[in-house]
Protein backbone atom coordinates (compact mmCIF):
# COMPACT_ATOMS: atom_id res chain seq x y z
CA MET A 1 9.53 25.60 5.15
CA THR A 2 7.49 24.19 7.92
CA ASP A 3 4.66 23.76 5.50
CA LEU A 4 6.91 22.18 2.69
CA VAL A 5 9.04 19.89 4.91
CA ARG A 6 5.83 18.31 6.58
CA LEU A 7 4.33 17.39 3.04
CA SER A 8 4.36 13.74 2.25
CA ALA A 9 6.59 12.76 -0.76
CA ALA A 10 3.08 12.24 -2.76
CA GLN A 11 1.55 15.88 -1.64
CA LEU A 12 4.76 17.51 -2.72
CA ALA A 13 4.97 15.78 -5.85
CA GLN A 14 1.35 16.87 -6.66
CA ALA A 15 2.21 20.25 -5.36
CA LEU A 16 5.64 20.45 -7.82
CA THR A 17 3.42 18.97 -10.81
CA GLY A 18 0.69 21.80 -10.33
CA GLY A 19 3.43 24.41 -10.21
CA GLN A 20 2.85 25.37 -6.73
CA VAL A 21 6.10 24.86 -5.46
CA SER A 22 9.59 24.41 -7.32
CA SER A 23 11.76 21.87 -6.62
CA VAL A 24 14.41 24.12 -5.82
CA GLU A 25 12.07 25.59 -3.05
CA ALA A 26 11.11 22.29 -1.63
CA THR A 27 14.94 21.21 -1.74
CA GLN A 28 16.21 24.27 -0.12
CA ALA A 29 13.25 23.97 2.48
CA HIS A 30 14.75 20.53 3.50
CA LEU A 31 18.37 21.71 3.33
CA ASP A 32 17.29 24.65 5.75
CA ARG A 33 15.40 22.02 8.18
CA ILE A 34 18.49 19.86 8.40
CA ALA A 35 20.42 23.13 9.25
CA ALA A 36 18.15 24.04 12.02
CA VAL A 37 17.55 20.31 13.67
CA ASP A 38 20.38 17.81 12.71
CA PRO A 39 23.07 19.01 15.20
CA ALA A 40 20.41 17.88 17.73
CA VAL A 41 19.36 14.68 15.89
CA HIS A 42 22.52 13.90 13.95
CA ALA A 43 20.74 12.02 11.40
CA PHE A 44 23.43 12.88 8.54
CA LEU A 45 26.93 12.05 7.99
CA HIS A 46 27.19 14.26 4.76
CA VAL A 47 24.97 16.61 3.28
CA SER A 48 25.04 17.37 -0.34
CA ALA A 49 23.71 20.79 -0.62
CA ASP A 50 25.02 21.89 -3.91
CA ALA A 51 24.59 18.66 -5.97
CA ALA A 52 20.85 18.28 -4.53
CA LEU A 53 20.22 21.94 -5.76
CA ASP A 54 21.85 21.13 -9.09
CA THR A 55 19.12 18.39 -9.36
CA ALA A 56 16.37 20.52 -8.42
CA ARG A 57 17.13 23.01 -10.70
CA ALA A 58 17.38 20.62 -13.58
CA VAL A 59 14.04 19.10 -12.87
CA ASP A 60 12.63 22.73 -12.49
CA ARG A 61 13.96 23.35 -15.89
CA ALA A 62 12.51 20.27 -17.51
CA ARG A 63 9.11 20.80 -16.13
CA GLY A 64 8.79 23.93 -17.37
CA ALA A 65 9.89 22.72 -20.65
CA GLY A 66 7.13 20.38 -20.54
CA ASP A 67 9.17 17.17 -20.21
CA ASP A 68 7.62 13.75 -19.03
CA LEU A 69 8.74 13.34 -15.53
CA HIS A 70 8.45 10.56 -12.90
CA PRO A 71 5.92 11.45 -10.43
CA LEU A 72 8.35 11.88 -7.75
CA ALA A 73 10.71 14.12 -9.96
CA GLY A 74 11.88 17.00 -7.75
CA VAL A 75 10.97 15.25 -4.19
CA PRO A 76 14.00 15.26 -2.27
CA ILE A 77 15.36 11.94 -0.41
CA ALA A 78 18.01 10.74 1.64
CA VAL A 79 20.51 7.62 1.47
CA LYS A 80 21.95 5.50 4.04
CA ASP A 81 25.57 5.70 4.06
CA VAL A 82 26.11 2.25 3.27
CA VAL A 83 24.59 2.87 -0.65
CA VAL A 84 27.54 4.01 -2.53
CA THR A 85 27.19 7.40 -4.15
CA ARG A 86 29.63 8.40 -7.14
CA GLY A 87 31.54 11.74 -5.83
CA GLN A 88 29.94 11.79 -2.27
CA PRO A 89 31.61 10.04 0.51
CA THR A 90 30.55 6.70 1.40
CA THR A 91 31.62 5.46 4.79
CA ALA A 92 29.11 2.62 6.07
CA GLY A 93 29.30 4.38 9.28
CA SER A 94 32.84 3.18 9.55
CA ARG A 95 36.22 5.03 10.48
CA ILE A 96 38.12 2.44 7.96
CA LEU A 97 36.06 4.18 5.22
CA GLU A 98 36.35 7.65 6.26
CA GLY A 99 36.84 10.04 3.45
CA TRP A 100 36.27 7.45 0.70
CA VAL A 101 34.48 8.58 -2.12
CA PRO A 102 33.28 6.02 -4.59
CA PRO A 103 33.75 5.70 -8.36
CA TYR A 104 30.39 4.78 -9.07
CA ASP A 105 26.54 4.79 -8.03
CA ALA A 106 24.74 1.88 -6.63
CA THR A 107 21.79 0.91 -9.09
CA ILE A 108 19.23 2.27 -6.74
CA VAL A 109 20.98 5.66 -6.87
CA THR A 110 21.31 5.15 -10.47
CA LYS A 111 17.41 4.76 -10.53
CA ILE A 112 16.93 7.77 -8.07
CA LYS A 113 18.94 10.33 -10.06
CA ALA A 114 17.66 8.94 -13.30
CA ALA A 115 13.92 9.79 -12.17
CA GLY A 116 15.14 13.26 -11.03
CA LEU A 117 14.98 13.14 -7.01
CA PRO A 118 17.57 15.73 -5.20
CA VAL A 119 19.84 13.29 -2.95
CA LEU A 120 19.80 15.53 -0.05
CA GLY A 121 22.92 13.39 1.39
CA LYS A 122 23.96 10.25 3.31
CA THR A 123 22.31 8.87 6.63
CA ASN A 124 24.44 7.76 9.89
CA MET A 125 24.22 3.95 10.66
CA ASP A 126 25.79 1.34 12.86
CA GLU A 127 29.04 0.61 11.15
CA PHE A 128 28.60 -1.65 8.55
CA ALA A 129 25.20 -2.03 9.59
CA MET A 130 25.87 -3.81 12.59
CA GLY A 131 23.78 -2.82 15.49
CA SER A 132 19.96 -1.87 16.71
CA SER A 133 20.50 1.35 17.66
CA THR A 134 22.73 3.73 15.42
CA GLU A 135 25.23 3.65 18.43
CA HIS A 136 28.02 1.50 17.10
CA SER A 137 28.74 4.46 14.13
CA GLY A 138 32.07 5.34 13.70
CA TYR A 139 30.82 9.28 13.82
CA GLY A 140 28.36 9.34 16.83
CA ASN A 141 24.88 7.99 17.88
CA THR A 142 21.72 9.57 16.35
CA HIS A 143 18.99 10.56 18.31
CA ASN A 144 15.19 9.65 18.07
CA PRO A 145 13.23 12.75 17.40
CA TRP A 146 10.42 11.58 19.76
CA ASP A 147 13.06 12.07 22.69
CA LEU A 148 16.94 13.06 21.95
CA ASP A 149 18.07 10.58 24.96
CA ARG A 150 16.65 7.78 23.04
CA ILE A 151 17.85 5.53 20.43
CA PRO A 152 16.53 5.55 16.78
CA GLY A 153 16.81 2.25 16.16
CA GLY A 154 19.27 0.56 13.84
CA SER A 155 21.36 0.18 11.93
CA GLY A 156 19.45 2.48 9.73
CA GLY A 157 18.66 4.96 12.59
CA GLY A 158 19.85 7.79 10.27
CA SER A 159 17.26 7.24 7.62
CA ALA A 160 14.47 6.90 10.07
CA ALA A 161 15.32 9.73 11.93
CA ALA A 162 15.80 12.16 9.38
CA VAL A 163 12.21 10.98 7.93
CA ALA A 164 10.47 11.34 11.33
CA ALA A 165 12.28 14.77 12.04
CA PHE A 166 10.94 16.07 8.67
CA GLU A 167 14.37 16.65 7.25
CA ALA A 168 13.60 14.37 4.25
CA PRO A 169 10.28 13.06 2.76
CA LEU A 170 11.91 9.83 1.54
CA ALA A 171 15.20 7.98 2.18
CA ILE A 172 16.40 4.62 1.36
CA GLY A 173 17.26 2.18 4.29
CA THR A 174 19.24 -1.48 4.17
CA ASP A 175 17.59 -4.39 5.98
CA THR A 176 19.72 -7.18 7.09
CA GLY A 177 17.73 -8.37 9.98
CA GLY A 178 15.11 -5.61 10.69
CA SER A 179 17.20 -2.33 10.00
CA ILE A 180 14.46 -0.82 8.09
CA ARG A 181 11.33 -2.38 10.05
CA GLN A 182 12.79 -1.81 13.36
CA PRO A 183 13.97 1.98 13.19
CA ALA A 184 10.73 2.50 11.64
CA SER A 185 8.69 1.17 14.76
CA VAL A 186 10.45 3.26 16.97
CA THR A 187 10.27 6.65 15.30
CA GLY A 188 6.80 6.34 13.86
CA THR A 189 7.40 6.09 10.45
CA VAL A 190 6.88 3.56 7.38
CA GLY A 191 9.77 0.82 6.94
CA VAL A 192 9.94 -1.76 3.92
CA LYS A 193 11.96 -4.85 3.67
CA PRO A 194 11.06 -5.92 0.06
CA THR A 195 11.33 -9.52 -1.20
CA TYR A 196 15.24 -10.54 -1.30
CA GLY A 197 16.44 -10.06 -4.58
CA SER A 198 13.76 -7.99 -5.95
CA VAL A 199 15.64 -4.19 -5.44
CA SER A 200 19.17 -4.40 -6.80
CA ARG A 201 22.12 -4.81 -4.32
CA TYR A 202 24.56 -3.52 -6.44
CA GLY A 203 26.43 -0.83 -4.90
CA LEU A 204 25.36 -1.93 -1.43
CA ILE A 205 28.58 -2.42 0.84
CA ALA A 206 27.78 -5.93 2.33
CA LEU A 207 27.12 -7.34 5.42
CA ALA A 208 25.55 -10.60 4.70
CA SER A 209 25.09 -11.26 1.31
CA SER A 210 22.07 -13.78 1.68
CA LEU A 211 20.17 -11.39 4.02
CA ASP A 212 20.80 -7.89 2.63
CA GLN A 213 17.90 -6.06 1.11
CA ALA A 214 17.61 -2.25 0.58
CA GLY A 215 13.80 -0.63 0.82
CA PRO A 216 12.19 2.67 1.58
CA VAL A 217 11.83 4.78 4.61
CA THR A 218 8.90 6.86 4.55
CA ARG A 219 5.94 8.90 6.74
CA THR A 220 3.03 7.35 4.61
CA VAL A 221 2.46 3.76 3.48
CA LEU A 222 1.79 5.58 -0.35
CA ASP A 223 5.05 7.27 -0.49
CA ALA A 224 6.93 3.76 0.40
CA ALA A 225 4.88 2.13 -2.37
CA TRP A 226 5.99 4.97 -4.95
CA LEU A 227 9.86 4.72 -4.01
CA HIS A 228 9.48 0.95 -3.75
CA GLN A 229 7.89 1.05 -7.40
CA LEU A 230 10.88 3.44 -8.40
CA ILE A 231 13.91 1.25 -6.78
CA GLY A 232 12.46 -2.09 -7.71
CA GLY A 233 13.16 -4.78 -10.49
CA HIS A 234 15.47 -6.74 -12.25
CA ASP A 235 19.22 -5.92 -12.41
CA PRO A 236 21.75 -7.57 -14.62
CA LEU A 237 24.45 -6.25 -12.55
CA ASP A 238 23.38 -8.40 -9.28
CA SER A 239 23.52 -12.06 -9.74
CA THR A 240 20.56 -12.09 -6.82
CA SER A 241 18.28 -9.98 -8.93
CA LEU A 242 14.72 -11.46 -9.42
CA THR A 243 13.65 -11.19 -13.15
CA ASP A 244 9.89 -10.79 -12.02
CA PRO A 245 8.24 -7.25 -12.71
CA VAL A 246 7.58 -5.19 -9.65
CA PRO A 247 4.19 -5.74 -8.30
CA ASP A 248 1.97 -2.81 -8.50
CA CYS A 249 2.26 -1.41 -5.00
CA VAL A 250 0.86 2.05 -5.64
CA ALA A 251 -2.34 0.73 -6.79
CA ALA A 252 -2.35 -1.99 -3.56
CA ALA A 253 -1.79 1.19 -1.51
CA GLY A 254 -4.68 2.99 -3.02
CA ALA A 255 -7.05 -0.06 -2.52
CA GLY A 256 -5.92 -0.79 0.99
CA ALA A 257 -6.61 3.21 1.98
CA ALA A 258 -10.32 2.74 1.00
CA GLY A 259 -10.33 0.31 4.14
CA ASP A 260 -12.32 -2.83 2.71
CA LEU A 261 -10.06 -6.10 3.49
CA THR A 262 -13.06 -8.49 2.90
CA GLY A 263 -11.86 -11.68 2.50
CA LEU A 264 -8.30 -11.39 3.52
CA ARG A 265 -7.03 -13.87 5.98
CA VAL A 266 -4.55 -12.53 8.40
CA GLY A 267 -2.43 -15.17 10.74
CA VAL A 268 -1.44 -13.95 13.80
CA ILE A 269 1.80 -15.51 14.68
CA THR A 270 1.97 -17.10 18.30
CA GLU A 271 5.82 -17.15 18.32
CA LEU A 272 6.18 -13.33 17.94
CA GLY A 273 4.34 -12.01 21.31
CA GLY A 274 4.06 -12.32 24.83
CA GLU A 275 7.17 -12.89 27.28
CA GLY A 276 9.67 -9.95 26.50
CA TYR A 277 7.09 -7.66 24.83
CA GLN A 278 5.88 -4.47 26.62
CA PRO A 279 2.31 -4.35 27.60
CA GLY A 280 1.66 -1.05 25.73
CA VAL A 281 3.46 -2.80 22.62
CA LEU A 282 1.05 -5.62 22.79
CA ALA A 283 -2.20 -3.67 23.62
CA ARG A 284 -1.53 -1.47 20.58
CA PHE A 285 -1.17 -4.70 18.53
CA ARG A 286 -4.26 -6.21 19.68
CA GLU A 287 -6.04 -2.62 18.85
CA THR A 288 -4.84 -2.78 15.34
CA LEU A 289 -5.86 -6.45 14.95
CA ASP A 290 -9.59 -5.22 16.04
CA LEU A 291 -9.28 -2.63 13.35
CA LEU A 292 -8.65 -5.50 10.64
CA THR A 293 -11.12 -7.52 11.51
CA GLY A 294 -13.54 -3.99 11.62
CA ALA A 295 -12.19 -3.79 7.82
CA GLY A 296 -13.55 -7.21 6.94
CA ALA A 297 -10.51 -9.23 7.33
CA GLU A 298 -10.43 -12.88 9.18
CA LEU A 299 -7.96 -13.67 11.85
CA VAL A 300 -6.27 -17.03 11.93
CA GLU A 301 -3.78 -17.96 14.83
CA VAL A 302 -0.72 -19.36 13.01
CA SER A 303 2.59 -21.18 14.66
CA CYS A 304 6.07 -21.04 13.29
CA PRO A 305 7.47 -23.49 15.75
CA HIS A 306 10.89 -23.07 14.26
CA LEU A 307 10.99 -19.17 14.53
CA ASP A 308 12.27 -19.91 18.31
CA TYR A 309 15.30 -20.76 16.71
CA ALA A 310 15.81 -17.64 14.28
CA LEU A 311 17.86 -15.50 16.70
CA GLY A 312 20.48 -18.23 17.02
CA ALA A 313 20.68 -19.03 13.56
CA TYR A 314 20.90 -15.44 12.42
CA TYR A 315 23.92 -14.59 14.86
CA LEU A 316 25.72 -17.51 13.18
CA ILE A 317 24.84 -16.74 9.45
CA LEU A 318 25.30 -13.17 9.79
CA PRO A 319 28.71 -12.78 11.46
CA ALA A 320 29.92 -15.87 9.26
CA GLU A 321 29.00 -13.80 5.79
CA ALA A 322 30.17 -10.58 7.49
CA SER A 323 33.57 -12.19 8.35
CA SER A 324 34.08 -13.11 4.55
CA ASN A 325 32.60 -9.54 3.29
CA LEU A 326 34.85 -7.49 5.36
CA ALA A 327 37.78 -9.22 4.49
CA LYS A 328 38.50 -6.68 1.95
CA PHE A 329 39.04 -3.80 4.58
CA ASP A 330 42.74 -4.61 4.83
CA GLY A 331 44.36 -1.34 4.40
CA MET A 332 46.12 -2.36 0.94
CA ARG A 333 43.31 -1.26 -1.74
CA PHE A 334 41.28 1.60 -0.29
CA GLY A 335 40.36 3.37 2.60
CA LEU A 336 42.29 3.58 6.08
CA ARG A 337 45.73 2.56 5.91
CA VAL A 338 47.51 2.38 9.44
CA THR A 339 51.48 1.67 9.47
CA PRO A 340 52.73 0.17 12.63
CA GLU A 341 54.70 2.94 14.72
CA SER A 342 57.59 0.53 15.54
CA GLY A 343 59.22 -2.95 13.90
CA SER A 344 59.14 -4.08 10.37
CA VAL A 345 56.23 -2.88 8.26
CA THR A 346 54.76 -6.13 6.50
CA THR A 347 51.73 -6.83 4.73
CA GLU A 348 50.15 -8.83 7.85
CA ARG A 349 51.41 -5.93 10.52
CA VAL A 350 49.68 -3.00 8.18
CA MET A 351 46.30 -5.28 7.90
CA ALA A 352 46.49 -5.94 11.65
CA ALA A 353 47.11 -2.32 12.45
CA THR A 354 44.52 -0.82 9.95
CA ARG A 355 41.84 -2.99 11.12
CA GLY A 356 42.17 -2.78 14.88
CA GLN A 357 42.17 0.80 14.61
CA GLY A 358 39.49 1.45 11.80
CA PHE A 359 36.57 -1.25 12.89
CA GLY A 360 34.83 -0.80 16.21
CA ASP A 361 34.00 -3.08 18.67
CA GLU A 362 31.11 -4.62 17.44
CA VAL A 363 32.44 -5.09 14.24
CA LYS A 364 35.38 -6.86 15.49
CA ARG A 365 32.94 -9.22 17.95
CA ARG A 366 31.15 -10.32 14.81
CA ILE A 367 34.19 -10.97 12.66
CA ILE A 368 35.35 -13.13 15.30
CA LEU A 369 32.54 -15.15 15.87
CA GLY A 370 32.16 -15.37 11.96
CA THR A 371 35.56 -16.75 11.68
CA TYR A 372 35.19 -19.16 14.30
CA ALA A 373 31.80 -20.04 12.91
CA LEU A 374 33.67 -20.88 9.37
CA SER A 375 36.74 -22.26 10.84
CA ALA A 376 37.64 -26.08 9.88
CA GLY A 377 36.15 -28.37 12.34
CA TYR A 378 33.34 -26.07 13.13
CA TYR A 379 31.63 -25.16 9.97
CA ASP A 380 29.36 -28.02 10.12
CA ALA A 381 28.45 -27.67 13.67
CA TYR A 382 27.70 -23.76 13.72
CA TYR A 383 27.14 -22.37 10.07
CA GLY A 384 25.97 -25.48 8.88
CA SER A 385 23.34 -26.14 11.24
CA ALA A 386 22.35 -22.81 11.04
CA GLN A 387 21.42 -23.05 7.29
CA LYS A 388 19.43 -26.10 8.31
CA VAL A 389 17.36 -24.13 10.71
CA ARG A 390 16.90 -21.30 7.93
CA THR A 391 15.60 -24.00 5.65
CA LEU A 392 12.96 -25.08 8.68
CA ILE A 393 11.97 -21.59 9.03
CA GLN A 394 11.34 -20.74 5.45
CA ARG A 395 8.92 -24.10 5.60
CA ASP A 396 7.12 -22.65 8.37
CA PHE A 397 6.47 -19.73 6.35
CA ALA A 398 5.59 -21.64 3.39
CA ALA A 399 3.03 -23.62 5.57
CA ALA A 400 1.69 -20.78 7.05
CA PHE A 401 0.96 -18.71 3.72
CA GLU A 402 -0.92 -21.83 2.64
CA ARG A 403 -3.51 -20.84 5.22
CA VAL A 404 -3.48 -17.16 5.18
CA ASP A 405 -2.50 -14.15 3.03
CA VAL A 406 -0.43 -12.24 5.01
CA LEU A 407 1.21 -12.73 8.71
CA VAL A 408 1.42 -10.15 11.34
CA SER A 409 3.16 -9.29 14.70
CA PRO A 410 4.51 -6.56 16.79
CA THR A 411 7.53 -4.90 14.87
CA VAL A 412 9.46 -4.79 17.94
CA PRO A 413 9.23 -6.23 21.48
CA THR A 414 9.77 -2.68 23.09
CA THR A 415 9.85 1.18 22.35
CA ALA A 416 12.79 2.66 21.98
CA PHE A 417 15.53 2.46 24.87
CA ARG A 418 17.79 4.95 26.42
CA LEU A 419 21.15 5.66 24.64
CA GLY A 420 23.61 3.66 26.04
CA GLU A 421 20.90 1.24 28.22
CA LYS A 422 22.07 -1.98 26.22
CA LEU A 423 25.58 -1.02 25.09
CA ASP A 424 27.40 -3.23 27.63
CA ASP A 425 24.63 -6.03 27.15
CA PRO A 426 25.25 -7.42 23.50
CA LEU A 427 22.68 -10.38 23.85
CA ALA A 428 20.15 -7.98 25.02
CA MET A 429 20.46 -5.70 21.93
CA TYR A 430 20.39 -8.72 19.48
CA LEU A 431 16.83 -9.70 21.19
CA ASN A 432 15.35 -6.42 19.96
CA ASP A 433 15.46 -8.15 16.66
CA VAL A 434 13.66 -11.03 17.36
CA ALA A 435 10.15 -10.26 15.67
CA THR A 436 12.13 -9.01 12.44
CA ILE A 437 14.95 -11.18 11.81
CA PRO A 438 12.72 -14.49 10.48
CA ALA A 439 11.62 -12.63 7.68
CA ASN A 440 15.34 -11.92 6.23
CA LEU A 441 16.09 -15.66 6.89
CA ALA A 442 13.49 -16.40 4.82
CA GLY A 443 13.39 -13.63 2.02
CA ILE A 444 9.96 -12.61 2.44
CA PRO A 445 8.95 -9.16 2.27
CA GLY A 446 7.78 -6.96 5.54
CA ILE A 447 6.45 -3.68 6.33
CA SER A 448 6.14 -1.86 9.64
CA VAL A 449 3.70 0.92 10.23
CA PRO A 450 2.72 3.12 13.06
CA ALA A 451 0.28 1.49 15.13
CA GLY A 452 0.13 4.30 17.80
CA LEU A 453 1.75 5.23 20.98
CA SER A 454 2.59 2.89 23.77
CA ASP A 455 2.23 3.74 27.63
CA ASP A 456 5.67 5.82 27.68
CA GLY A 457 4.35 8.04 24.95
CA LEU A 458 6.71 6.66 22.57
CA PRO A 459 5.85 5.01 19.05
CA VAL A 460 4.79 1.34 18.39
CA GLY A 461 5.11 -0.60 15.00
CA PHE A 462 2.61 -3.18 13.58
CA GLN A 463 4.43 -5.65 11.30
CA VAL A 464 2.91 -7.30 8.20
CA LEU A 465 4.81 -10.10 6.34
CA ALA A 466 3.84 -11.74 2.85
CA PRO A 467 5.00 -14.46 0.56
CA VAL A 468 7.93 -14.01 -1.62
CA ARG A 469 6.94 -11.61 -4.64
CA ALA A 470 4.04 -10.72 -2.95
CA ASP A 471 4.86 -7.26 -1.55
CA ASP A 472 1.96 -5.56 -2.67
CA ARG A 473 -0.12 -7.56 -0.02
CA LEU A 474 1.75 -5.47 2.33
CA TYR A 475 0.57 -2.03 0.77
CA ARG A 476 -2.90 -3.29 0.90
CA VAL A 477 -3.10 -4.01 4.57
CA GLY A 478 -0.72 -1.26 5.63
CA ALA A 479 -2.51 1.34 3.84
CA ALA A 480 -5.82 -0.11 5.74
CA VAL A 481 -4.20 -0.09 9.00
CA GLU A 482 -2.78 3.73 8.53
CA ALA A 483 -6.28 4.94 7.36
CA ALA A 484 -8.17 3.61 10.13
CA LEU A 485 -5.66 4.64 12.62
CA GLU A 486 -5.09 8.16 11.03
CA SER A 487 -8.98 8.53 11.36
CA ARG A 488 -8.77 7.46 15.07
CA TRP A 489 -5.79 9.68 15.66
CA GLY A 490 -7.06 13.03 13.71
CA GLY A 491 -4.20 12.71 11.35
CA PRO A 492 -0.63 11.39 11.13
CA LEU A 493 1.00 9.97 14.01
CA LEU A 494 3.99 12.26 13.61
CA ALA A 495 2.00 15.17 14.26
CA GLN A 496 2.19 14.22 17.96
CA ALA A 497 5.63 13.95 17.88
CA PRO A 498 7.52 16.89 19.99
CA GLU A 499 8.79 19.98 18.13
CA LEU A 500 12.74 19.84 18.00
CA GLU A 501 14.67 22.72 19.64
CA VAL A 502 15.90 24.74 16.33
CA ALA A 503 19.61 25.53 16.06
CA ARG A 504 20.61 29.35 16.07
């Protein structure tokens, strides 16, 4: 079991293709690992062992018959619980959807199943993806495998923790303001937010429709490239889906791993660094910049002055869209329904009782903020103004990309903080996403790759941003960074993580 679960997805795929291991063996090894360590990590909300093994058996039969299979066929995967899955519970981390079983699959799940990847289960998350620590889940905290007393990031902490704890070689996350990249940074994994619209959003339970984007969570850049290649592409079921073909991310990752970045212009964003960033985070960032110059890249200091307003704009746009999107959870059509204990039973009273009991504090906070921002007399002053700031941020990025090929920054200002440390201070929690939010506002792609350990012995992430539709640049730079750092470390960063105590 130990050897199989520690293989990267690409390594496991090679072993499956070569006949050294079957998909049933690989899937069972990961299910055994989940049973052993997930009581401590709590990465999963639902484990679909029977369905995963059925898929694995089908892949083994097809491979034995000589059928033409996807390169990742038979490699297990975990899926964030905000992505709907037919026949399996989908709760978005909220009690208001407890026990809901969707009648259809999200497009990305349809693609995953068609390619023959066994779905191990659904991963924990902040309720409706609102949070940076997975402490706002309606079903309990997820713990960081590096230190079980610390957060695994959010909102997709479950997917990142599952990959970091070797419970799954691949996972799907969603990124609205950093919910793939920030958990990747604090767990020592790789997380990618694709260009907005390049991966279908059909079947994602919406938080903020103009910001949400699904993407890969993996242990290597190459694995992320393979998964991105699989789930990307136009979807007629998604009105925001781009018609462009997916760039060849796998080839870009292969080119980057060779370590030659000659001629690449790398912009260092001046606004994303300095005050508020841990010294150890900045030290690893500067060391990674040195590796880029050593590989032939040219560093250029770039200013994006309106990024200073990104956090404020985001926390007006997101709550406003969330307020609208979450109006459907009314106790009438699906999910939880609470009947008032006394008095008349009216639609309004059932709705109030259901939303009062079903939503957590953070969701209520953002709904109130969003409803206020959209209210008569305040729309232009708040939501409208935030959208104008968003346009200015998009222009900042457009101007920057006329000078450079990619932009870089630390992914997160700090390493993983302790569970409970920021629960009573929402503003401090929101500041954790200061470096990731701008990419969502602009719709550009971004990746976080491990950059080593800070002075406290916890992982640090290095963020790379690219122009819209140029996702392949992320993989070229990310793979080059990964190769250089693994050469220095003597292997993957996760090999340095403490071994988790196994449940007996």
